[in-house]
């Protein structure tokens, strides 16, 4: 798990090549470790390696049996790679799951951020804030939120969470 944490930290520091290298080391030891596929897909995405990112997120989705978090990240990658119709399909899948389970507001926000729909992304981030969603602690550093950083609502949300902009 410490290897994964290192890969995640490198990703948050925007050291994508090193994060990718660390993920590959993890997968050499255990090719079925879902989080390594997830993190590798995220780093690939930030490098603009959409095909590779999609492959890794598909593996993550399979290994987690279609977990809603996997759907959210897959939807974000599809949207950012220009596969809007597939991203919208994943969004519908997530909506169906969220009717049965609670707590996926940030998943919707991730997909809408990828689609470039800032208003919906912020609406879902607000819902996540109201739900006190733990992943909001990474809002300030996670590259997935970069498309929203220039919007004044982003800094307002950071302040309310207790993270200085």
C-alpha atoms as a PDB file:
ATOM      1  CA  UNK A   1       0.000   0.000   0.000  1.00  0.00           C
ATOM      2  CA  UNK A   2       2.900   2.385   0.620  1.00  0.00           C
ATOM      3  CA  UNK A   3       3.903   2.020  -3.044  1.00  0.00           C
ATOM      4  CA  UNK A   4       0.411   3.102  -4.047  1.00  0.00           C
ATOM      5  CA  UNK A   5       0.523   6.084  -1.701  1.00  0.00           C
ATOM      6  CA  UNK A   6       3.791   7.143  -3.292  1.00  0.00           C
ATOM      7  CA  UNK A   7       2.257   6.853  -6.780  1.00  0.00           C
ATOM      8  CA  UNK A   8      -0.734   8.908  -5.629  1.00  0.00           C
ATOM      9  CA  UNK A   9       1.474  11.581  -4.037  1.00  0.00           C
ATOM     10  CA  UNK A  10       3.569  11.862  -7.190  1.00  0.00           C
ATOM     11  CA  UNK A  11       0.358  12.279  -9.195  1.00  0.00           C
ATOM     12  CA  UNK A  12      -0.903  15.029  -6.893  1.00  0.00           C
ATOM     13  CA  UNK A  13       2.473  16.753  -7.281  1.00  0.00           C
ATOM     14  CA  UNK A  14       1.924  16.550 -11.051  1.00  0.00           C
ATOM     15  CA  UNK A  15       4.958  14.320 -11.446  1.00  0.00           C
ATOM     16  CA  UNK A  16       3.057  12.062 -13.822  1.00  0.00           C
ATOM     17  CA  UNK A  17       5.988  10.148 -15.322  1.00  0.00           C
ATOM     18  CA  UNK A  18       7.167   9.122 -11.868  1.00  0.00           C
ATOM     19  CA  UNK A  19       3.641   8.193 -10.831  1.00  0.00           C
ATOM     20  CA  UNK A  20       3.304   6.031 -13.944  1.00  0.00           C
ATOM     21  CA  UNK A  21       6.646   4.369 -13.206  1.00  0.00           C
ATOM     22  CA  UNK A  22       5.581   3.644  -9.629  1.00  0.00           C
ATOM     23  CA  UNK A  23       2.247   2.189 -10.780  1.00  0.00           C
ATOM     24  CA  UNK A  24       4.011  -0.095 -13.223  1.00  0.00           C
ATOM     25  CA  UNK A  25       6.237  -1.366 -10.411  1.00  0.00           C
ATOM     26  CA  UNK A  26       3.154  -2.099  -8.342  1.00  0.00           C
ATOM     27  CA  UNK A  27       1.504  -3.941 -11.241  1.00  0.00           C
ATOM     28  CA  UNK A  28       4.634  -6.026 -11.792  1.00  0.00           C
ATOM     29  CA  UNK A  29       4.164  -7.291  -8.233  1.00  0.00           C
ATOM     30  CA  UNK A  30       0.375  -7.616  -8.461  1.00  0.00           C
ATOM     31  CA  UNK A  31      -1.335  -7.084 -11.813  1.00  0.00           C
ATOM     32  CA  UNK A  32      -4.735  -7.372 -10.154  1.00  0.00           C
ATOM     33  CA  UNK A  33      -4.311  -4.472  -7.725  1.00  0.00           C
ATOM     34  CA  UNK A  34      -7.248  -2.232  -8.683  1.00  0.00           C
ATOM     35  CA  UNK A  35      -5.930   1.018  -7.229  1.00  0.00           C
ATOM     36  CA  UNK A  36      -2.739   0.811  -9.290  1.00  0.00           C
ATOM     37  CA  UNK A  37      -4.809   0.592 -12.481  1.00  0.00           C
ATOM     38  CA  UNK A  38      -6.907   3.546 -11.303  1.00  0.00           C
ATOM     39  CA  UNK A  39      -3.879   5.674 -10.492  1.00  0.00           C
ATOM     40  CA  UNK A  40      -2.083   4.709 -13.691  1.00  0.00           C
ATOM     41  CA  UNK A  41      -5.160   5.723 -15.675  1.00  0.00           C
ATOM     42  CA  UNK A  42      -5.275   9.087 -13.934  1.00  0.00           C
ATOM     43  CA  UNK A  43      -1.606   9.804 -14.614  1.00  0.00           C
ATOM     44  CA  UNK A  44      -1.979   8.660 -18.239  1.00  0.00           C
ATOM     45  CA  UNK A  45      -4.950  11.001 -18.627  1.00  0.00           C
ATOM     46  CA  UNK A  46      -3.051  14.011 -17.351  1.00  0.00           C
ATOM     47  CA  UNK A  47      -0.306  13.279 -19.869  1.00  0.00           C
ATOM     48  CA  UNK A  48      -2.892  13.224 -22.656  1.00  0.00           C
ATOM     49  CA  UNK A  49      -2.518   9.479 -23.156  1.00  0.00           C
ATOM     50  CA  UNK A  50      -6.259   8.906 -23.512  1.00  0.00           C
ATOM     51  CA  UNK A  51      -6.186   5.435 -25.018  1.00  0.00           C
ATOM     52  CA  UNK A  52      -3.919   4.133 -22.240  1.00  0.00           C
ATOM     53  CA  UNK A  53      -5.993   5.915 -19.599  1.00  0.00           C
ATOM     54  CA  UNK A  54      -9.193   4.334 -20.895  1.00  0.00           C
ATOM     55  CA  UNK A  55      -7.634   0.861 -20.871  1.00  0.00           C
ATOM     56  CA  UNK A  56      -6.525   1.263 -17.259  1.00  0.00           C
ATOM     57  CA  UNK A  57      -9.884   2.594 -16.103  1.00  0.00           C
ATOM     58  CA  UNK A  58     -11.687  -0.236 -17.862  1.00  0.00           C
ATOM     59  CA  UNK A  59      -9.451  -2.664 -15.930  1.00  0.00           C
ATOM     60  CA  UNK A  60     -10.207  -0.782 -12.715  1.00  0.00           C
ATOM     61  CA  UNK A  61     -13.931  -0.975 -13.431  1.00  0.00           C
ATOM     62  CA  UNK A  62     -13.683  -4.714 -14.097  1.00  0.00           C
ATOM     63  CA  UNK A  63     -11.580  -5.414 -10.999  1.00  0.00           C
ATOM     64  CA  UNK A  64     -14.026  -3.458  -8.804  1.00  0.00           C
ATOM     65  CA  UNK A  65     -17.060  -5.083 -10.425  1.00  0.00           C
ATOM     66  CA  UNK A  66     -18.312  -1.776 -11.775  1.00  0.00           C
ATOM     67  CA  UNK A  67     -18.034   0.158  -8.521  1.00  0.00           C
ATOM     68  CA  UNK A  68     -19.600   3.649  -8.788  1.00  0.00           C
ATOM     69  CA  UNK A  69     -16.255   5.335  -8.142  1.00  0.00           C
ATOM     70  CA  UNK A  70     -14.822   3.470 -11.129  1.00  0.00           C
ATOM     71  CA  UNK A  71     -17.770   4.695 -13.196  1.00  0.00           C
ATOM     72  CA  UNK A  72     -17.108   8.290 -12.171  1.00  0.00           C
ATOM     73  CA  UNK A  73     -13.457   8.226 -13.164  1.00  0.00           C
ATOM     74  CA  UNK A  74     -14.218   6.329 -16.361  1.00  0.00           C
ATOM     75  CA  UNK A  75     -16.857   8.929 -17.243  1.00  0.00           C
ATOM     76  CA  UNK A  76     -14.355  11.728 -16.658  1.00  0.00           C
ATOM     77  CA  UNK A  77     -11.769  10.125 -18.918  1.00  0.00           C
ATOM     78  CA  UNK A  78     -14.314   9.441 -21.647  1.00  0.00           C
ATOM     79  CA  UNK A  79     -15.477  13.055 -21.521  1.00  0.00           C
ATOM     80  CA  UNK A  80     -11.976  14.494 -21.571  1.00  0.00           C
ATOM     81  CA  UNK A  81     -10.912  12.221 -24.417  1.00  0.00           C
ATOM     82  CA  UNK A  82     -13.782  13.463 -26.585  1.00  0.00           C
ATOM     83  CA  UNK A  83     -16.089  10.474 -26.191  1.00  0.00           C
ATOM     84  CA  UNK A  84     -19.002  12.566 -24.974  1.00  0.00           C
ATOM     85  CA  UNK A  85     -21.780  10.108 -25.826  1.00  0.00           C
ATOM     86  CA  UNK A  86     -20.032   7.297 -23.940  1.00  0.00           C
ATOM     87  CA  UNK A  87     -19.408   9.651 -21.011  1.00  0.00           C
ATOM     88  CA  UNK A  88     -23.127  10.466 -20.915  1.00  0.00           C
ATOM     89  CA  UNK A  89     -23.914   6.732 -20.915  1.00  0.00           C
ATOM     90  CA  UNK A  90     -21.635   6.267 -17.909  1.00  0.00           C
ATOM     91  CA  UNK A  91     -23.333   9.237 -16.255  1.00  0.00           C
ATOM     92  CA  UNK A  92     -26.674   7.449 -16.677  1.00  0.00           C
ATOM     93  CA  UNK A  93     -25.176   4.276 -15.169  1.00  0.00           C
ATOM     94  CA  UNK A  94     -23.997   6.286 -12.188  1.00  0.00           C
ATOM     95  CA  UNK A  95     -27.436   7.863 -11.805  1.00  0.00           C
ATOM     96  CA  UNK A  96     -29.020   4.401 -11.714  1.00  0.00           C
ATOM     97  CA  UNK A  97     -26.580   3.216  -9.048  1.00  0.00           C
ATOM     98  CA  UNK A  98     -26.974   6.369  -6.965  1.00  0.00           C
ATOM     99  CA  UNK A  99     -30.709   5.707  -6.636  1.00  0.00           C
ATOM    100  CA  UNK A 100     -29.790   2.607  -4.629  1.00  0.00           C
ATOM    101  CA  UNK A 101     -26.701   3.922  -2.831  1.00  0.00           C
ATOM    102  CA  UNK A 102     -25.765   7.207  -1.181  1.00  0.00           C
ATOM    103  CA  UNK A 103     -22.700   9.387  -1.446  1.00  0.00           C
ATOM    104  CA  UNK A 104     -21.584   9.708  -5.057  1.00  0.00           C
ATOM    105  CA  UNK A 105     -21.937  13.473  -5.481  1.00  0.00           C
ATOM    106  CA  UNK A 106     -18.262  13.883  -6.310  1.00  0.00           C
ATOM    107  CA  UNK A 107     -18.585  11.173  -8.930  1.00  0.00           C
ATOM    108  CA  UNK A 108     -21.138  13.263 -10.770  1.00  0.00           C
ATOM    109  CA  UNK A 109     -18.945  16.343 -10.302  1.00  0.00           C
ATOM    110  CA  UNK A 110     -15.992  14.504 -11.855  1.00  0.00           C
ATOM    111  CA  UNK A 111     -17.953  13.537 -14.948  1.00  0.00           C
ATOM    112  CA  UNK A 112     -19.491  16.989 -15.379  1.00  0.00           C
ATOM    113  CA  UNK A 113     -16.049  18.587 -14.958  1.00  0.00           C
ATOM    114  CA  UNK A 114     -14.770  16.329 -17.719  1.00  0.00           C
ATOM    115  CA  UNK A 115     -17.714  17.300 -19.913  1.00  0.00           C
ATOM    116  CA  UNK A 116     -16.929  20.976 -19.358  1.00  0.00           C
ATOM    117  CA  UNK A 117     -20.275  21.602 -17.647  1.00  0.00           C
ATOM    118  CA  UNK A 118     -18.998  23.798 -14.821  1.00  0.00           C
ATOM    119  CA  UNK A 119     -22.418  24.667 -13.429  1.00  0.00           C
ATOM    120  CA  UNK A 120     -23.356  21.009 -12.954  1.00  0.00           C
ATOM    121  CA  UNK A 121     -19.868  20.195 -11.642  1.00  0.00           C
ATOM    122  CA  UNK A 122     -20.156  22.916  -9.005  1.00  0.00           C
ATOM    123  CA  UNK A 123     -23.722  21.905  -8.129  1.00  0.00           C
ATOM    124  CA  UNK A 124     -22.479  18.381  -7.391  1.00  0.00           C
ATOM    125  CA  UNK A 125     -19.399  19.658  -5.549  1.00  0.00           C
ATOM    126  CA  UNK A 126     -21.774  21.669  -3.347  1.00  0.00           C
ATOM    127  CA  UNK A 127     -23.794  18.528  -2.687  1.00  0.00           C
ATOM    128  CA  UNK A 128     -20.553  16.749  -1.779  1.00  0.00           C
ATOM    129  CA  UNK A 129     -19.731  19.623   0.563  1.00  0.00           C
ATOM    130  CA  UNK A 130     -23.153  19.330   2.201  1.00  0.00           C
ATOM    131  CA  UNK A 131     -22.601  15.567   2.593  1.00  0.00           C
ATOM    132  CA  UNK A 132     -19.125  16.235   4.043  1.00  0.00           C
ATOM    133  CA  UNK A 133     -17.577  14.006   1.435  1.00  0.00           C
ATOM    134  CA  UNK A 134     -14.079  12.980   2.512  1.00  0.00           C
ATOM    135  CA  UNK A 135     -12.434  13.215  -0.953  1.00  0.00           C
ATOM    136  CA  UNK A 136     -12.995  16.984  -0.842  1.00  0.00           C
ATOM    137  CA  UNK A 137      -9.820  17.157   1.241  1.00  0.00           C
ATOM    138  CA  UNK A 138      -7.940  16.608  -2.026  1.00  0.00           C
ATOM    139  CA  UNK A 139      -9.828  19.318  -3.905  1.00  0.00           C
ATOM    140  CA  UNK A 140      -6.932  21.761  -3.726  1.00  0.00           C
ATOM    141  CA  UNK A 141      -4.324  19.391  -5.187  1.00  0.00           C
ATOM    142  CA  UNK A 142      -6.103  16.797  -7.337  1.00  0.00           C
ATOM    143  CA  UNK A 143      -5.488  17.528 -11.042  1.00  0.00           C
ATOM    144  CA  UNK A 144      -8.944  16.200 -11.948  1.00  0.00           C
ATOM    145  CA  UNK A 145     -10.334  19.539 -10.751  1.00  0.00           C
ATOM    146  CA  UNK A 146      -7.961  21.685 -12.821  1.00  0.00           C
ATOM    147  CA  UNK A 147     -10.688  22.602 -15.346  1.00  0.00           C
ATOM    148  CA  UNK A 148     -12.594  24.309 -12.506  1.00  0.00           C
ATOM    149  CA  UNK A 149      -9.771  26.194 -10.775  1.00  0.00           C
ATOM    150  CA  UNK A 150     -10.187  29.472 -12.674  1.00  0.00           C
ATOM    151  CA  UNK A 151     -13.823  29.775 -11.591  1.00  0.00           C
ATOM    152  CA  UNK A 152     -14.333  31.966  -8.459  1.00  0.00           C
ATOM    153  CA  UNK A 153     -16.651  29.286  -7.042  1.00  0.00           C
ATOM    154  CA  UNK A 154     -13.640  26.991  -6.714  1.00  0.00           C
ATOM    155  CA  UNK A 155     -11.749  29.280  -4.322  1.00  0.00           C
ATOM    156  CA  UNK A 156     -14.958  29.939  -2.406  1.00  0.00           C
ATOM    157  CA  UNK A 157     -15.439  26.208  -1.892  1.00  0.00           C
ATOM    158  CA  UNK A 158     -11.797  25.775  -0.842  1.00  0.00           C
ATOM    159  CA  UNK A 159     -12.255  28.491   1.795  1.00  0.00           C
ATOM    160  CA  UNK A 160     -15.430  26.917   3.149  1.00  0.00           C
ATOM    161  CA  UNK A 161     -13.743  23.530   3.385  1.00  0.00           C
ATOM    162  CA  UNK A 162     -10.912  25.153   5.316  1.00  0.00           C
ATOM    163  CA  UNK A 163      -8.278  24.945   2.599  1.00  0.00           C
ATOM    164  CA  UNK A 164      -6.688  28.272   1.750  1.00  0.00           C
ATOM    165  CA  UNK A 165      -6.843  29.038  -1.996  1.00  0.00           C
END
